[in-house]
Each structure stands twice: as structure tokens, then as C-alpha cells.
Protein backbone atom coordinates (compact mmCIF):
# COMPACT_ATOMS: atom_id res chain seq x y z
CA MET A 1 0.00 0.00 0.00
CA ILE A 2 1.28 3.45 -0.89
CA ARG A 3 0.70 6.09 1.76
CA ALA A 4 3.15 8.94 2.24
CA THR A 5 3.13 11.94 4.53
CA LEU A 6 4.17 15.23 3.00
CA ILE A 7 7.00 16.33 5.28
CA ALA A 8 6.85 19.90 4.07
CA LEU A 9 3.29 20.19 5.30
CA VAL A 10 2.96 17.79 8.22
CA VAL A 11 5.05 17.19 11.31
CA ALA A 12 4.95 14.11 13.49
CA ALA A 13 3.29 14.65 16.88
CA ALA A 14 3.96 12.73 20.10
CA SER A 15 2.81 9.43 18.64
CA PRO A 16 4.61 8.24 15.45
CA LEU A 17 1.20 7.35 14.00
CA THR A 18 -0.25 10.84 14.46
CA ALA A 19 0.34 13.81 12.15
CA GLU A 20 -0.63 17.44 12.49
CA THR A 21 -1.22 19.50 9.37
CA ARG A 22 0.42 22.93 9.50
CA VAL A 23 2.39 25.47 7.47
CA PRO A 24 6.14 24.65 7.02
CA MET A 25 8.08 26.24 9.89
CA SER A 26 11.68 26.06 8.65
CA GLN A 27 13.80 26.36 5.52
CA ALA A 28 14.65 22.67 5.80
CA GLU A 29 10.97 21.71 5.70
CA ILE A 30 10.33 24.02 2.73
CA SER A 31 13.31 22.65 0.79
CA LEU A 32 11.99 19.10 1.04
CA GLY A 33 8.96 20.11 -1.03
CA PHE A 34 7.04 17.16 -2.45
CA ALA A 35 10.08 14.88 -2.77
CA PRO A 36 9.13 12.33 -0.05
CA LEU A 37 5.59 12.09 -1.38
CA VAL A 38 6.67 11.63 -5.00
CA LYS A 39 9.24 9.00 -4.01
CA GLU A 40 6.48 6.93 -2.41
CA ALA A 41 3.71 7.43 -4.99
CA ALA A 42 5.50 7.62 -8.36
CA PRO A 43 6.36 3.88 -8.66
CA ALA A 44 2.62 3.10 -8.85
CA VAL A 45 2.22 5.25 -12.00
CA VAL A 46 3.16 3.47 -15.23
CA ASN A 47 3.70 4.26 -18.88
CA ILE A 48 1.37 2.57 -21.36
CA TYR A 49 2.17 1.84 -24.99
CA ALA A 50 -0.83 0.66 -27.02
CA LYS A 51 -1.10 -0.51 -30.62
CA ILE A 52 -4.40 0.09 -32.40
CA VAL A 53 -5.18 -1.46 -35.80
CA THR A 54 -7.83 0.40 -37.80
CA GLN A 55 -9.44 -0.21 -41.19
CA GLU A 56 -9.18 2.81 -43.48
CA ARG A 57 -10.35 3.19 -47.06
CA GLN A 58 -7.67 4.15 -49.56
CA ARG A 59 -8.05 7.76 -50.59
CA THR A 60 -8.51 8.69 -54.25
CA PRO A 61 -7.83 11.98 -56.10
CA PHE A 62 -11.59 12.60 -55.88
CA SER A 63 -11.90 12.02 -52.12
CA ASN A 64 -12.70 15.67 -51.46
CA ASP A 65 -15.55 15.68 -53.97
CA PRO A 66 -18.80 14.46 -52.30
CA PHE A 67 -20.17 12.91 -55.52
CA PHE A 68 -17.06 11.07 -56.66
CA ASP A 69 -16.09 10.10 -53.11
CA ASP A 70 -19.40 8.27 -52.78
CA PHE A 71 -18.94 6.72 -56.25
CA PHE A 72 -15.48 5.31 -55.43
CA ARG A 73 -16.46 4.24 -51.92
CA GLY A 74 -17.40 0.72 -52.96
CA LEU A 75 -14.42 0.31 -55.34
CA SER A 76 -11.55 1.04 -52.95
CA GLN A 77 -10.55 -1.73 -50.56
CA PRO A 78 -10.07 -0.87 -46.87
CA GLN A 79 -6.49 -1.08 -45.68
CA GLN A 80 -5.14 -1.76 -42.22
CA ARG A 81 -3.39 1.09 -40.46
CA VAL A 82 -1.45 0.72 -37.23
CA GLN A 83 -1.62 3.58 -34.76
CA ASN A 84 0.49 3.81 -31.62
CA SER A 85 -1.01 5.38 -28.52
CA LEU A 86 0.98 6.71 -25.57
CA GLY A 87 -0.51 7.29 -22.16
CA SER A 88 -0.27 6.61 -18.46
CA GLY A 89 -1.88 4.30 -15.96
CA VAL A 90 -2.11 3.74 -12.21
CA ILE A 91 -1.53 0.45 -10.40
CA LEU A 92 -4.36 -0.22 -7.92
CA SER A 93 -3.37 -3.62 -6.53
CA ASP A 94 -0.22 -5.65 -5.97
CA ASP A 95 -1.41 -8.31 -8.43
CA GLY A 96 -1.41 -5.91 -11.37
CA ILE A 97 -4.80 -4.23 -11.67
CA VAL A 98 -4.19 -0.97 -13.57
CA VAL A 99 -6.61 1.83 -14.46
CA SER A 100 -6.21 4.07 -17.49
CA ASN A 101 -8.36 5.97 -19.98
CA TYR A 102 -10.54 4.28 -22.58
CA HIS A 103 -9.19 6.59 -25.26
CA VAL A 104 -5.68 5.28 -24.51
CA VAL A 105 -6.27 1.51 -24.45
CA GLY A 106 -9.96 0.82 -25.12
CA MET A 107 -9.50 -0.17 -28.78
CA ALA A 108 -5.95 -1.51 -28.52
CA THR A 109 -4.89 -4.87 -29.96
CA GLU A 110 -1.58 -4.90 -28.10
CA ILE A 111 -0.74 -3.22 -24.79
CA ARG A 112 2.64 -2.92 -23.10
CA VAL A 113 3.05 -1.43 -19.62
CA VAL A 114 6.39 -0.16 -18.32
CA THR A 115 7.00 0.60 -14.63
CA THR A 116 9.37 3.21 -13.24
CA ASP A 117 12.02 0.54 -12.59
CA ARG A 118 11.83 -0.44 -16.28
CA ARG A 119 10.01 -3.71 -15.84
CA GLU A 120 7.73 -4.46 -18.77
CA TYR A 121 4.43 -6.34 -18.76
CA ASN A 122 1.95 -7.41 -21.37
CA ALA A 123 -1.55 -6.30 -20.41
CA ARG A 124 -5.14 -6.96 -21.44
CA VAL A 125 -8.29 -4.94 -20.97
CA ILE A 126 -10.69 -6.74 -18.61
CA LEU A 127 -13.35 -4.03 -18.50
CA SER A 128 -13.79 -0.71 -20.27
CA ASP A 129 -16.42 2.01 -20.52
CA LYS A 130 -16.27 4.58 -23.30
CA ALA A 131 -18.86 6.88 -21.70
CA SER A 132 -16.79 7.41 -18.55
CA ASP A 133 -13.46 7.10 -20.46
CA LEU A 134 -12.14 4.41 -18.11
CA ALA A 135 -10.47 1.07 -18.78
CA ILE A 136 -9.20 -1.56 -16.35
CA LEU A 137 -6.15 -3.61 -17.28
CA GLN A 138 -4.68 -6.82 -15.88
CA LEU A 139 -0.91 -7.17 -16.11
CA ASP A 140 0.30 -10.65 -16.98
CA GLU A 141 2.38 -12.46 -14.35
CA ALA A 142 2.49 -9.45 -12.03
CA GLU A 143 2.97 -9.70 -8.28
CA ASP A 144 4.15 -7.58 -5.33
CA LEU A 145 3.70 -4.32 -7.24
CA PRO A 146 3.47 -0.90 -5.55
CA PHE A 147 -0.01 0.56 -5.76
CA LEU A 148 -2.09 3.57 -4.74
CA GLU A 149 -5.06 3.55 -2.41
CA LEU A 150 -8.32 5.14 -3.58
CA ARG A 151 -9.53 8.09 -1.55
CA ASN A 152 -13.20 8.94 -1.11
CA SER A 153 -13.38 11.66 -3.77
CA ASP A 154 -16.56 13.08 -2.23
CA GLN A 155 -14.35 14.37 0.61
CA VAL A 156 -12.06 16.33 -1.72
CA GLU A 157 -12.34 20.11 -1.28
CA VAL A 158 -11.51 23.07 -3.50
CA GLY A 159 -8.11 24.46 -2.57
CA GLU A 160 -6.49 21.14 -1.62
CA LEU A 161 -2.97 20.55 -2.90
CA ALA A 162 -2.75 17.97 -5.67
CA LEU A 163 -0.01 16.37 -7.77
CA ALA A 164 -0.44 15.07 -11.32
CA ILE A 165 1.89 12.21 -12.29
CA GLY A 166 2.17 10.90 -15.84
CA ASN A 167 4.21 10.78 -19.04
CA PRO A 168 3.47 14.01 -20.97
CA PHE A 169 4.60 14.05 -24.61
CA GLY A 170 6.53 10.83 -23.98
CA VAL A 171 9.41 12.63 -22.23
CA GLY A 172 9.29 10.29 -19.24
CA GLN A 173 7.52 10.32 -15.92
CA THR A 174 6.78 13.88 -14.85
CA VAL A 175 5.24 15.41 -11.75
CA SER A 176 3.33 18.71 -11.69
CA SER A 177 1.73 20.39 -8.70
CA GLY A 178 -1.34 22.51 -8.19
CA ILE A 179 -4.60 22.62 -6.33
CA ILE A 180 -8.12 21.32 -6.77
CA SER A 181 -9.74 24.18 -8.68
CA GLY A 182 -13.32 22.94 -8.85
CA LEU A 183 -15.66 20.06 -8.12
CA ALA A 184 -18.52 18.44 -10.03
CA ARG A 185 -17.53 19.86 -13.41
CA THR A 186 -19.97 18.66 -16.06
CA GLY A 187 -20.44 19.54 -19.71
CA THR A 188 -17.08 21.31 -19.96
CA ALA A 189 -14.59 18.58 -20.69
CA THR A 190 -16.54 16.22 -22.89
CA GLY A 191 -19.78 15.88 -24.78
CA GLU A 192 -20.65 12.59 -23.08
CA GLY A 193 -23.69 12.66 -20.85
CA PHE A 194 -21.83 10.89 -18.06
CA GLY A 195 -19.00 13.44 -17.75
CA TYR A 196 -18.34 14.46 -14.14
CA TYR A 197 -14.90 15.69 -13.14
CA LEU A 198 -12.57 17.18 -10.59
CA GLN A 199 -10.82 20.27 -11.96
CA THR A 200 -7.17 21.01 -11.22
CA ASP A 201 -4.57 23.58 -12.29
CA ALA A 202 -1.76 21.01 -12.02
CA ALA A 203 -0.26 20.87 -15.51
CA ILE A 204 -1.77 18.06 -17.63
CA ASN A 205 -0.56 17.52 -21.17
CA PRO A 206 -0.92 14.86 -23.90
CA GLY A 207 0.51 11.62 -22.49
CA ASN A 208 -0.77 12.43 -18.99
CA SER A 209 -4.06 10.73 -19.90
CA GLY A 210 -4.68 7.87 -17.49
CA GLY A 211 -2.15 9.17 -14.97
CA ALA A 212 -2.68 9.85 -11.29
CA LEU A 213 -4.00 12.90 -9.48
CA ILE A 214 -3.01 12.39 -5.84
CA ASP A 215 -3.44 14.26 -2.57
CA VAL A 216 -0.80 15.08 0.06
CA ASN A 217 -1.19 11.63 1.61
CA GLY A 218 -0.37 9.85 -1.64
CA ASP A 219 -3.93 8.62 -2.14
CA LEU A 220 -5.51 8.59 -5.59
CA ILE A 221 -8.27 11.17 -5.91
CA GLY A 222 -8.69 11.05 -9.68
CA ILE A 223 -7.51 9.80 -13.08
CA ASN A 224 -6.29 12.60 -15.34
CA THR A 225 -8.27 12.55 -18.55
CA ARG A 226 -8.76 15.87 -20.39
CA ILE A 227 -7.80 19.52 -20.63
CA LEU A 228 -9.36 22.68 -21.98
CA SER A 229 -6.84 24.27 -24.30
CA ARG A 230 -6.67 26.19 -27.57
CA SER A 231 -3.03 25.31 -28.14
CA GLY A 232 -3.06 21.63 -27.17
CA GLY A 233 -0.89 22.30 -24.11
CA SER A 234 -1.82 22.93 -20.51
CA ASN A 235 -3.61 26.19 -19.73
CA GLY A 236 -4.18 25.27 -16.10
CA ILE A 237 -7.64 23.78 -16.69
CA GLY A 238 -7.38 20.02 -16.37
CA PHE A 239 -9.96 17.39 -15.50
CA ALA A 240 -9.75 14.12 -13.61
CA ILE A 241 -12.27 11.30 -13.23
CA PRO A 242 -13.14 11.02 -9.51
CA ALA A 243 -11.75 8.04 -7.59
CA ASN A 244 -15.21 6.90 -6.49
CA LEU A 245 -16.21 6.05 -10.06
CA VAL A 246 -12.84 4.34 -10.56
CA GLY A 247 -13.57 2.21 -7.50
CA GLU A 248 -16.93 1.05 -8.88
CA ILE A 249 -15.55 0.07 -12.28
CA VAL A 250 -12.67 -1.80 -10.59
CA HIS A 251 -15.22 -3.62 -8.40
CA GLN A 252 -17.17 -4.71 -11.47
CA ALA A 253 -13.98 -5.73 -13.28
CA ARG A 254 -12.95 -7.99 -10.39
CA SER A 255 -16.42 -9.54 -10.27
CA GLY A 256 -16.07 -10.64 -13.91
CA THR A 257 -18.49 -8.20 -15.53
CA GLU A 258 -17.87 -8.04 -19.28
CA GLU A 259 -19.54 -4.63 -19.76
CA PHE A 260 -19.76 -1.81 -17.22
CA GLN A 261 -23.23 -1.88 -15.73
CA ARG A 262 -24.67 1.57 -15.13
CA PRO A 263 -28.03 1.85 -13.28
CA TRP A 264 -30.95 3.10 -15.33
CA ALA A 265 -32.87 6.18 -14.19
CA GLY A 266 -35.58 6.08 -16.85
CA MET A 267 -35.98 9.83 -16.59
CA SER A 268 -35.00 13.11 -18.18
CA GLY A 269 -34.55 16.39 -16.37
CA GLN A 270 -32.93 19.79 -16.29
CA PRO A 271 -31.12 21.97 -13.75
CA VAL A 272 -33.30 24.28 -11.67
CA ASP A 273 -32.42 27.91 -12.47
CA ALA A 274 -33.78 31.04 -10.81
CA ASP A 275 -36.85 31.34 -13.06
CA LEU A 276 -37.72 27.67 -12.70
CA ALA A 277 -37.24 27.84 -8.94
CA ALA A 278 -39.69 30.72 -8.73
CA SER A 279 -42.29 28.84 -10.75
CA LEU A 280 -41.87 25.82 -8.47
CA GLY A 281 -42.22 27.93 -5.34
CA MET A 282 -38.63 27.33 -4.22
CA THR A 283 -36.73 29.90 -2.19
CA LEU A 284 -33.40 29.17 -3.89
CA PRO A 285 -32.58 27.30 -7.10
CA GLU A 286 -31.25 23.83 -6.37
CA GLY A 287 -31.39 20.34 -7.74
CA MET A 288 -32.73 18.86 -10.96
CA VAL A 289 -36.40 18.91 -11.93
CA ILE A 290 -37.85 15.76 -13.52
CA SER A 291 -39.30 16.58 -16.95
CA ASP A 292 -40.19 13.05 -18.08
CA LEU A 293 -40.40 9.56 -16.59
CA HIS A 294 -40.63 6.16 -18.24
CA SER A 295 -43.41 4.00 -16.81
CA ALA A 296 -40.88 1.26 -15.93
CA SER A 297 -38.48 3.64 -14.17
CA PRO A 298 -37.46 2.66 -10.62
CA PHE A 299 -38.17 6.27 -9.66
CA VAL A 300 -41.83 5.79 -10.58
CA GLU A 301 -41.99 2.75 -8.30
CA ALA A 302 -40.36 4.78 -5.51
CA GLY A 303 -43.04 7.48 -5.78
CA PHE A 304 -41.50 10.19 -7.96
CA LYS A 305 -43.54 12.20 -10.48
CA VAL A 306 -42.86 14.66 -13.29
CA GLY A 307 -42.27 18.07 -11.69
CA ASP A 308 -40.51 16.69 -8.59
CA VAL A 309 -37.07 18.09 -7.84
CA ILE A 310 -34.15 15.79 -6.94
CA SER A 311 -31.63 17.62 -4.78
CA MET A 312 -29.41 14.85 -3.37
CA VAL A 313 -28.43 11.22 -3.89
CA ASP A 314 -26.93 9.39 -0.92
CA GLY A 315 -26.31 12.71 0.80
CA GLN A 316 -24.44 14.23 -2.15
CA VAL A 317 -25.75 17.29 -4.00
CA VAL A 318 -27.20 16.77 -7.48
CA ASN A 319 -27.78 19.73 -9.82
CA SER A 320 -27.80 18.24 -13.33
CA PRO A 321 -28.55 15.03 -15.26
CA SER A 322 -24.79 14.38 -15.54
CA GLU A 323 -24.40 14.54 -11.76
CA MET A 324 -27.42 12.27 -11.40
CA ALA A 325 -25.87 9.68 -13.74
CA PHE A 326 -22.57 9.87 -11.86
CA ARG A 327 -24.16 9.42 -8.43
CA MET A 328 -26.17 6.43 -9.63
CA SER A 329 -23.05 4.86 -11.19
CA VAL A 330 -21.12 5.27 -7.95
CA ALA A 331 -24.00 3.78 -5.94
CA GLY A 332 -23.64 0.65 -8.07
CA MET A 333 -25.96 -1.86 -9.63
CA GLY A 334 -28.22 -3.70 -7.21
CA SER A 335 -27.85 -1.20 -4.37
CA THR A 336 -30.50 1.07 -2.90
CA ALA A 337 -29.87 4.81 -3.15
CA GLN A 338 -31.42 7.38 -0.85
CA VAL A 339 -32.77 10.17 -3.05
CA THR A 340 -33.92 13.50 -1.62
CA ARG A 341 -37.14 14.77 -3.22
CA LEU A 342 -38.54 18.29 -3.14
CA ARG A 343 -42.24 18.60 -3.96
CA GLY A 344 -43.68 22.02 -3.24
CA THR A 345 -42.87 22.74 0.40
CA ASP A 346 -42.37 19.05 1.22
CA LYS A 347 -38.94 17.46 1.47
CA ASP A 348 -38.44 13.75 1.96
CA VAL A 349 -35.92 10.98 1.28
CA LEU A 350 -37.03 7.96 -0.76
CA ASP A 351 -35.27 4.66 -1.37
CA VAL A 352 -34.68 3.94 -5.08
CA GLN A 353 -33.46 0.59 -6.38
CA MET A 354 -30.43 0.82 -8.68
CA MET A 355 -31.37 -1.52 -11.52
CA ALA A 356 -30.62 -2.24 -15.15
CA ALA A 357 -33.00 -1.05 -17.84
CA PRO A 358 -35.51 -3.87 -18.46
CA ASN A 359 -35.06 -5.79 -21.69
CA SER A 360 -38.81 -6.30 -21.92
CA PRO A 361 -40.49 -6.85 -24.26
CA PRO A 362 -37.54 -8.71 -25.86
CA ALA A 363 -35.60 -6.58 -28.35
CA ALA A 364 -35.58 -9.51 -30.83
CA PRO A 365 -32.82 -8.04 -33.05
CA ILE A 366 -32.57 -9.15 -36.67
CA GLN A 367 -29.66 -8.63 -39.08
CA LEU A 368 -30.40 -8.79 -42.80
CA GLY A 369 -28.38 -11.18 -44.94
CA GLU A 370 -26.36 -10.58 -48.08
CA ASN A 371 -29.21 -11.47 -50.43
CA THR A 372 -31.43 -8.63 -49.22
CA PRO A 373 -31.77 -5.04 -50.51
CA LEU A 374 -29.93 -3.67 -47.42
CA PRO A 375 -27.41 -6.33 -46.30
CA GLY A 376 -26.07 -5.86 -42.79
CA LEU A 377 -29.01 -3.72 -41.67
CA THR A 378 -29.81 -4.57 -38.03
CA VAL A 379 -33.09 -3.66 -36.35
CA ALA A 380 -34.52 -4.23 -32.86
CA ARG A 381 -37.75 -3.68 -30.97
CA ILE A 382 -37.60 -0.60 -28.74
CA ASN A 383 -37.70 -1.34 -25.03
CA PRO A 384 -36.15 0.39 -21.98
CA ASP A 385 -32.78 -1.33 -22.50
CA VAL A 386 -32.63 -0.24 -26.16
CA ILE A 387 -33.73 3.29 -25.21
CA PHE A 388 -30.92 3.51 -22.65
CA ARG A 389 -28.20 2.06 -24.86
CA MET A 390 -29.07 4.15 -27.92
CA GLY A 391 -30.04 7.38 -26.19
CA LEU A 392 -33.58 7.41 -27.59
CA ALA A 393 -36.44 9.52 -26.28
CA LEU A 394 -38.18 7.96 -23.28
CA ASN A 395 -41.46 7.76 -25.21
CA ALA A 396 -39.88 6.06 -28.26
CA GLU A 397 -41.80 3.05 -29.59
CA GLY A 398 -41.60 0.66 -32.50
CA ILE A 399 -38.58 -0.68 -34.39
CA VAL A 400 -35.18 1.04 -34.35
CA ILE A 401 -32.16 0.70 -36.62
CA THR A 402 -29.20 -0.30 -34.43
CA ASP A 403 -26.77 -0.71 -37.35
CA PRO A 404 -27.52 0.55 -40.88
CA GLY A 405 -24.90 -1.67 -42.51
CA GLN A 406 -22.65 -0.45 -45.31
CA HIS A 407 -25.38 -0.04 -47.92
CA GLY A 408 -27.84 1.48 -45.45
CA ALA A 409 -25.28 4.04 -44.32
CA ARG A 410 -24.69 5.07 -47.94
CA ALA A 411 -28.44 5.44 -48.36
CA GLY A 412 -28.57 7.87 -45.45
CA LEU A 413 -29.68 5.61 -42.59
CA ARG A 414 -28.23 6.11 -39.11
CA PRO A 415 -28.19 4.15 -35.86
CA GLY A 416 -31.12 5.36 -33.76
CA ASP A 417 -33.48 5.94 -36.69
CA VAL A 418 -36.93 4.63 -35.82
CA LEU A 419 -38.32 2.69 -38.77
CA LEU A 420 -41.99 3.62 -39.17
CA ALA A 421 -42.92 2.16 -42.56
CA ILE A 422 -41.47 0.42 -45.62
CA ASN A 423 -43.19 1.24 -48.92
CA GLY A 424 -46.26 2.35 -46.98
CA ASN A 425 -46.40 -0.79 -44.82
CA GLU A 426 -46.31 0.05 -41.11
CA VAL A 427 -43.48 -1.77 -39.32
CA VAL A 428 -44.57 -3.29 -36.00
CA GLU A 429 -42.31 -6.34 -35.58
CA THR A 430 -38.64 -6.86 -36.46
CA THR A 431 -39.58 -9.93 -38.52
CA GLU A 432 -41.58 -7.70 -40.87
CA VAL A 433 -38.50 -5.76 -42.01
CA PRO A 434 -36.95 -8.45 -44.25
CA GLN A 435 -40.41 -9.40 -45.48
CA PHE A 436 -41.36 -5.86 -46.56
CA LEU A 437 -37.93 -5.25 -48.11
CA SER A 438 -38.13 -8.44 -50.17
CA GLU A 439 -41.48 -7.21 -51.59
CA SER A 440 -40.17 -3.74 -52.47
CA GLY A 441 -39.14 -4.46 -56.07
CA ARG A 442 -36.84 -1.84 -57.64
CA ARG A 443 -38.10 1.12 -55.64
CA LEU A 444 -37.83 1.60 -51.91
CA LYS A 445 -39.47 4.17 -49.66
CA LEU A 446 -38.61 4.34 -45.96
CA ASN A 447 -40.46 6.46 -43.41
CA LEU A 448 -38.25 7.28 -40.42
CA GLN A 449 -38.32 9.18 -37.15
CA ARG A 450 -34.96 10.81 -36.41
CA GLY A 451 -35.04 12.78 -33.18
CA GLY A 452 -37.91 15.21 -33.53
CA GLN A 453 -38.07 14.98 -37.34
CA ARG A 454 -39.90 12.66 -39.72
CA LEU A 455 -37.96 11.70 -42.84
CA ASN A 456 -38.95 10.05 -46.11
CA LEU A 457 -36.13 8.33 -47.99
CA ARG A 458 -36.69 7.18 -51.56
CA PHE A 459 -34.18 5.37 -53.76
CA ARG A 460 -33.82 2.71 -56.43
CA LEU A 461 -32.34 -0.68 -55.69
């Protein structure tokens, strides 16, 4: 276990196990700086070298012309391209459990991990989650490794000292210092709906991704993931994924889960601003107001209604859908979360079961074969699980395109398109799709719902 005491900031009291936090009192204490802390924590931060093989279509002289690019699309053969990714990771157990970013290793075909003492290990991804940008690795034949303890990131406060450790620009392990600049940052570092970050001014640069953000005790408080920058370098606005979410994904990885399980809320909502607070009769704006609820939502079963305001989950403040998703993820699948509800002048705490989105009625997916007008097209019946996975509206019904296939994509189809009718025939079941397409002849008309728009696609086969 890695746990260091920052000598420049703490001094041993009467008992050797007790420390008192105070300002450095001598030049000797100041000169030590962060050296003892870094010496203890740095060996648990590793360099990661990942190889990613992608399929890319050979470019033609007409690639920049929309018409000719589409014409040559089916004639050029895709070619393999090898990309090398450089990043950082943090060892979380002596048997070689390592956490890094999804964008560093999530799509890798070969991963090599190098420790500070130059030992090298082959590694494999045992669980990853693109939405939270986290990936858990297992090092092969690893034992007795130094590792960092996870701190309860809900206890982190703005103004705390923090160190970022990683491998920026591939120059080698580097340490930068700063403070925690902000908490619960959402919607600033990524477009994902599950983004929820600690903000720091400790310098984070390319290559730092997946590295450690630690406190003055050497505990891990976050995984460095993104920056806001116009130049590509650090401008003092960096973001780290809180340790509590890291702990949950590690727990699921150790339990053998193949895909990160995130509890389903079955709701949509929006932050309560001053105008909305006034209309709801609230003294101050706080929380997130529920704007829609699916009938199968666990919040419906717990007693919530549209118009209720959620202000806290398990004692932690919630002010946006992103914060709500984070708190539910940290609570973990199968647990019971205590959710604070504001309804008019009433305030109460209700127990809500953290559950997966029901796969009922069965999605019954179907993929069309090669001898069909749209080979590779995959459709499924819309249910809560499909709504959650594809980000559909809570009131979505019918049959949805989960994969348009190569020909469908060229025809303008997209994942998430709700298939309403084929040549005027209303589509109710997935089994009707290949039937209606086989009867279409040389002309095909598709009626679709895409977001809030209805589309009519017509083309010849």
C-alpha cells in the first residue's frame, strides 16, 4: 500500500502514528517540497504503450468531392493502419490491476506497460467504458507491485494541494503540482452525458491521460483525462475522473463483468435555475427537476412524479442530469440509493433501487443477410434497455435501426433511426422488415423518425 506523509506540510506529533497539518516552519521543511511524497507514490504510475489497428479506405484523387467520393467508396478496398497510442496508468493492486483511460487503451490490440524501474508487462483490458473514459487492465504475471489507495473523492475540497503524475509528450515520468480548482464539473470537458470531473490547475498535457491525481497523503483522488486548451498544451484547466467512479468500475472488473453496468434512471430532467425555482415555489434554485419519466423507471416505483425536484443522492448534491448519472453509477448496480425529493414545500428521502434497464419486451434483433436489398441492416424492438443504450427519447416506440450496414449508411440511414414504414407498410415487428424489403421491387421508400423529425427516404435498388 502506498501512503506517504508530505514532510513539508505535516510534522509528526507525540505518537509516530499521528500527524498534524500545519504550514512549514523552517527552511529545511520548505526545501523538502514534495520529494518524499513523490518518491512513495510515483512507482505506482506506469507508462502505457498501445497498438491500435484500424481499417481505413484508400483515398482517391476525388476524395474531397462528395459525388465522386461516394462513387469510389465501394471500389476502394479498406487497408489496415497501425496507430500507436501513448498514455499513463495507475496500479491499484499488488497483483497488477491498472486503471487508465478508454481513449488510450480501449481499442488496442496490443498493450505494453512499463513501470518506473523499467520492468515491462503485457496487459489486457478486462473491463472498459467509453462513456466514462475508463479502462481496467490486468498485467500478466504481475505480483508484489506498488499501488495507490483510492480516496473517497466526495471528501475532496476546493483548494487542496494535488499532484499530477504521468508521461506528458513521452518525455518520461513527470510530476506537476497545483490545487483542486473545482468540483462536479460537467459539460465542460466532454460531450458525453456521463461526464463528471474534478478540476485542477496542475499541468496536464498529452501523455498524462490515465495518470494519477493524488493528494498530500499519496492517495488517488482522480484519473487525469482531459484539458481545456486552444493550443493543445496545458492552460491550467485540467480534468480528472473522480476516484469513487474508478472504484466502482474496478469492483465490477474484479467480479467478472464483461460490460460496465450503469443503473438506469428512466428519466430526463434539467437543472433548476432562478426562473424555474420561482415557478416551483422554491426559495433558492437547487437540484434537478424531472421533466419526463418512463413507466418502468425505478423512480416511478419509488413514488416520484414529473415536476418533482431531486436535490441529493446518498447525501451528495445533485444539480444536473450528468451529476445524477454519476451518483447512480457510484452507488452501483443492485444497491439502494437514498434520493432527496422536493415537492412544493415538502422534502423527503425515498429509497430507489439501482437496476438495469428492463429488456422487456424482448428486443428480438434481426440482421439482414447478403441477399437482401440492405445487407447488414440490423433492427430491434424498442424497449427500456434499447432506449438507454441508444439514447432514444423515453417515449420512443416501434422498431429502431441499431446498425444501418454499409449499404444502409450510404443510403442515409443512421443508428437510432426509428423505422416507421417500408413502402407504406407500417413496421410493428422486427420480422416484418426483411419481409417488406423483399417485396419492395426496384423502388424503396422508408419512413423514419430521427429525433424530432420525420424523414422520407426514396431510392432505387
